[in-house]
Amino acid sequence: MPFTFTPCPLEGLYEIQPVLFGDHRGYFFESYSERDFKHAGFSTTFVQDNQSRSVKGVLRGLHFQKTHPQGKLIRVIEGEVFDVAVDIRPGSVSRGKWHGVVLDARRQNQFWIPPGFAHGFLVLSESAVFAYKCTDFYYPEDEGGIIWKDPVIGITWPDLGMEYILSEKDRKLPAFSAEGTGL
């Protein structure tokens, strides 16, 4: 199988490492194979692919959809990011807990985040091209979020020696325990 699936501490999260084939010309790898993912127990359908480019210090998140939760298969095409998933599943024993993975273009590792998690990332390299497959479509009216520095969740974001760059929308996201967050 051209992938290694490593479970993360929170149930449902996986770090995925594809097999890279390289020589003096460069490299090749399969970034996704429905057959191999199904063989590993992932029976999901992807309906949308997204890609963004950000500069060092950009922090995006923590985002989720309230009634159309998305599973995401995430990778970095160029650069390096610290990628975070926060469990917001009702009744989950790890609700409010987080797990982070460094994704980088050199290793081409991936992060599987199932539906029911809030998601965010911080760019560690000078810039990064970030790509992910989604299990549901994006609905702007269904969007929810949690402030990146929520003290209840307590994510340990890497110190880059600079102030993080956030959108105005992300600066105003509510706390995890705030009313109206859908949590």
Protein backbone atom coordinates (compact mmCIF):
# COMPACT_ATOMS: atom_id res chain seq x y z
CA MET A 1 0.00 0.00 0.00
CA PRO A 2 1.45 3.40 -0.93
CA PHE A 3 0.23 5.04 2.32
CA THR A 4 0.90 4.70 6.04
CA PHE A 5 -2.09 5.64 8.21
CA THR A 6 -1.07 6.64 11.75
CA PRO A 7 -3.86 7.27 14.27
CA CYS A 8 -3.52 10.48 16.29
CA PRO A 9 -4.41 10.82 20.00
CA LEU A 10 -7.96 12.06 19.23
CA GLU A 11 -10.27 9.41 17.82
CA GLY A 12 -10.82 9.77 14.08
CA LEU A 13 -7.74 11.88 13.30
CA TYR A 14 -4.95 10.34 11.19
CA GLU A 15 -1.60 11.48 9.90
CA ILE A 16 -1.07 9.92 6.50
CA GLN A 17 2.29 9.42 4.83
CA PRO A 18 2.37 8.56 1.14
CA VAL A 19 5.26 6.63 -0.34
CA LEU A 20 7.50 9.00 -2.28
CA PHE A 21 9.39 7.72 -5.32
CA GLY A 22 12.32 9.93 -6.16
CA ASP A 23 15.51 10.07 -8.15
CA HIS A 24 17.76 12.68 -9.75
CA ARG A 25 14.80 13.96 -11.84
CA GLY A 26 12.52 14.71 -8.88
CA TYR A 27 9.73 12.71 -7.27
CA PHE A 28 6.34 11.09 -7.79
CA PHE A 29 3.66 9.97 -5.34
CA GLU A 30 -0.05 9.23 -5.17
CA SER A 31 -1.66 11.90 -3.01
CA TYR A 32 -4.97 10.02 -2.88
CA SER A 33 -6.26 6.62 -3.94
CA GLU A 34 -9.89 5.76 -3.23
CA ARG A 35 -9.02 2.04 -3.31
CA ASP A 36 -6.20 2.35 -0.75
CA PHE A 37 -8.17 4.66 1.54
CA LYS A 38 -11.18 2.29 1.50
CA HIS A 39 -8.85 -0.64 2.23
CA ALA A 40 -7.62 1.30 5.29
CA GLY A 41 -11.22 1.82 6.49
CA PHE A 42 -11.98 5.27 5.07
CA SER A 43 -15.28 5.09 3.23
CA THR A 44 -15.82 8.71 2.34
CA THR A 45 -16.61 10.65 -0.78
CA PHE A 46 -14.89 13.93 -1.55
CA VAL A 47 -16.98 16.59 -3.29
CA GLN A 48 -14.77 19.69 -3.29
CA ASP A 49 -11.05 20.52 -3.47
CA ASN A 50 -9.73 23.82 -2.04
CA GLN A 51 -6.34 25.51 -2.24
CA SER A 52 -4.88 28.65 -0.69
CA ARG A 53 -1.54 30.42 -0.54
CA SER A 54 -0.47 32.34 2.57
CA VAL A 55 2.66 34.03 3.86
CA LYS A 56 4.59 33.30 7.05
CA GLY A 57 2.65 34.06 10.21
CA VAL A 58 -0.82 33.79 8.66
CA LEU A 59 -3.18 31.99 11.02
CA ARG A 60 -6.49 30.83 9.55
CA GLY A 61 -9.18 29.42 11.78
CA LEU A 62 -10.58 27.86 13.78
CA HIS A 63 -13.42 27.14 11.33
CA PHE A 64 -16.23 24.59 11.02
CA GLN A 65 -19.67 24.21 9.45
CA LYS A 66 -22.60 23.84 11.85
CA THR A 67 -25.08 21.60 9.99
CA HIS A 68 -22.93 20.52 7.02
CA PRO A 69 -19.74 19.38 8.79
CA GLN A 70 -16.83 18.67 6.47
CA GLY A 71 -14.24 15.94 6.68
CA LYS A 72 -10.94 17.21 5.29
CA LEU A 73 -7.89 15.51 3.81
CA ILE A 74 -5.20 18.17 4.10
CA ARG A 75 -1.71 18.55 2.63
CA VAL A 76 0.84 21.24 1.88
CA ILE A 77 2.05 21.56 -1.70
CA GLU A 78 4.74 24.17 -0.93
CA GLY A 79 6.15 25.21 2.43
CA GLU A 80 5.24 24.17 5.95
CA VAL A 81 2.27 24.73 8.28
CA PHE A 82 1.18 23.81 11.78
CA ASP A 83 -2.27 22.29 11.25
CA VAL A 84 -4.77 21.94 14.12
CA ALA A 85 -8.01 20.05 14.67
CA VAL A 86 -10.30 20.68 17.68
CA ASP A 87 -12.92 18.09 18.61
CA ILE A 88 -16.35 19.75 18.76
CA ARG A 89 -18.43 16.55 18.45
CA PRO A 90 -21.34 16.53 20.91
CA GLY A 91 -20.86 13.78 23.50
CA SER A 92 -17.25 13.05 22.50
CA VAL A 93 -14.92 12.18 25.38
CA SER A 94 -12.30 14.44 23.77
CA ARG A 95 -14.67 17.38 23.11
CA GLY A 96 -12.69 20.64 23.38
CA LYS A 97 -9.33 18.85 22.98
CA TRP A 98 -6.95 19.62 20.13
CA HIS A 99 -4.23 17.93 18.13
CA GLY A 100 -1.68 19.57 15.85
CA VAL A 101 0.50 18.21 13.04
CA VAL A 102 3.30 19.89 11.11
CA LEU A 103 2.60 19.37 7.41
CA ASP A 104 5.35 20.08 4.93
CA ALA A 105 6.02 19.77 1.22
CA ARG A 106 9.27 17.91 1.78
CA ARG A 107 7.58 14.93 3.46
CA GLN A 108 4.22 15.36 1.68
CA ASN A 109 2.46 14.10 4.81
CA GLN A 110 -1.29 14.58 5.12
CA PHE A 111 -3.81 15.06 7.91
CA TRP A 112 -7.27 13.47 7.91
CA ILE A 113 -9.81 15.43 9.95
CA PRO A 114 -13.27 13.81 10.03
CA PRO A 115 -16.52 15.78 10.29
CA GLY A 116 -17.09 17.20 13.77
CA PHE A 117 -13.81 19.07 14.20
CA ALA A 118 -12.94 22.75 14.00
CA HIS A 119 -9.85 23.40 11.89
CA GLY A 120 -7.10 25.99 11.63
CA PHE A 121 -3.50 26.38 10.55
CA LEU A 122 -0.45 28.62 10.98
CA VAL A 123 2.10 29.14 8.19
CA LEU A 124 5.63 28.38 9.44
CA SER A 125 7.62 28.87 6.21
CA GLU A 126 8.06 32.09 4.19
CA SER A 127 4.92 31.07 2.30
CA ALA A 128 2.82 27.95 1.90
CA VAL A 129 0.41 26.49 -0.62
CA PHE A 130 -2.24 24.59 1.30
CA ALA A 131 -4.68 22.13 -0.32
CA TYR A 132 -7.50 19.97 0.99
CA LYS A 133 -10.29 17.69 -0.16
CA CYS A 134 -13.72 18.08 1.52
CA THR A 135 -16.53 15.59 2.15
CA ASP A 136 -19.24 18.27 1.91
CA PHE A 137 -19.65 21.55 0.08
CA TYR A 138 -18.93 24.91 1.69
CA TYR A 139 -22.04 26.85 2.75
CA PRO A 140 -21.17 30.42 3.86
CA GLU A 141 -24.40 30.74 5.87
CA ASP A 142 -23.48 27.58 7.83
CA GLU A 143 -20.03 28.75 8.89
CA GLY A 144 -18.98 28.71 12.53
CA GLY A 145 -15.75 29.42 14.31
CA ILE A 146 -13.80 29.53 17.56
CA ILE A 147 -11.17 32.12 18.45
CA TRP A 148 -7.66 30.74 17.82
CA LYS A 149 -6.42 31.66 21.31
CA ASP A 150 -9.34 30.22 23.25
CA PRO A 151 -8.11 29.63 26.84
CA VAL A 152 -10.38 26.60 27.40
CA ILE A 153 -8.92 24.78 24.38
CA GLY A 154 -5.37 26.04 25.03
CA ILE A 155 -3.70 25.34 21.69
CA THR A 156 0.09 25.68 21.88
CA TRP A 157 0.77 27.55 18.65
CA PRO A 158 4.44 27.75 17.56
CA ASP A 159 6.24 30.97 18.48
CA LEU A 160 7.41 32.59 15.24
CA GLY A 161 8.83 35.68 16.92
CA MET A 162 6.19 37.82 15.23
CA GLU A 163 2.53 38.72 15.61
CA TYR A 164 0.26 36.32 13.77
CA ILE A 165 -1.60 37.67 10.73
CA LEU A 166 -5.36 37.06 10.96
CA SER A 167 -8.38 38.17 8.97
CA GLU A 168 -10.71 40.61 10.70
CA LYS A 169 -13.35 37.85 10.74
CA ASP A 170 -10.99 35.41 12.52
CA ARG A 171 -10.01 38.06 15.10
CA LYS A 172 -13.68 38.33 16.13
CA LEU A 173 -14.56 34.64 16.45
CA PRO A 174 -16.26 33.66 19.73
CA ALA A 175 -14.82 31.57 22.54
CA PHE A 176 -15.45 27.82 22.66
CA SER A 177 -17.97 28.17 25.48
CA ALA A 178 -19.70 31.26 24.06
CA GLU A 179 -23.42 31.20 23.39
CA GLY A 180 -24.40 30.94 19.75
CA THR A 181 -21.32 29.07 18.54
CA GLY A 182 -23.23 25.88 17.90
CA LEU A 183 -21.06 24.16 20.48
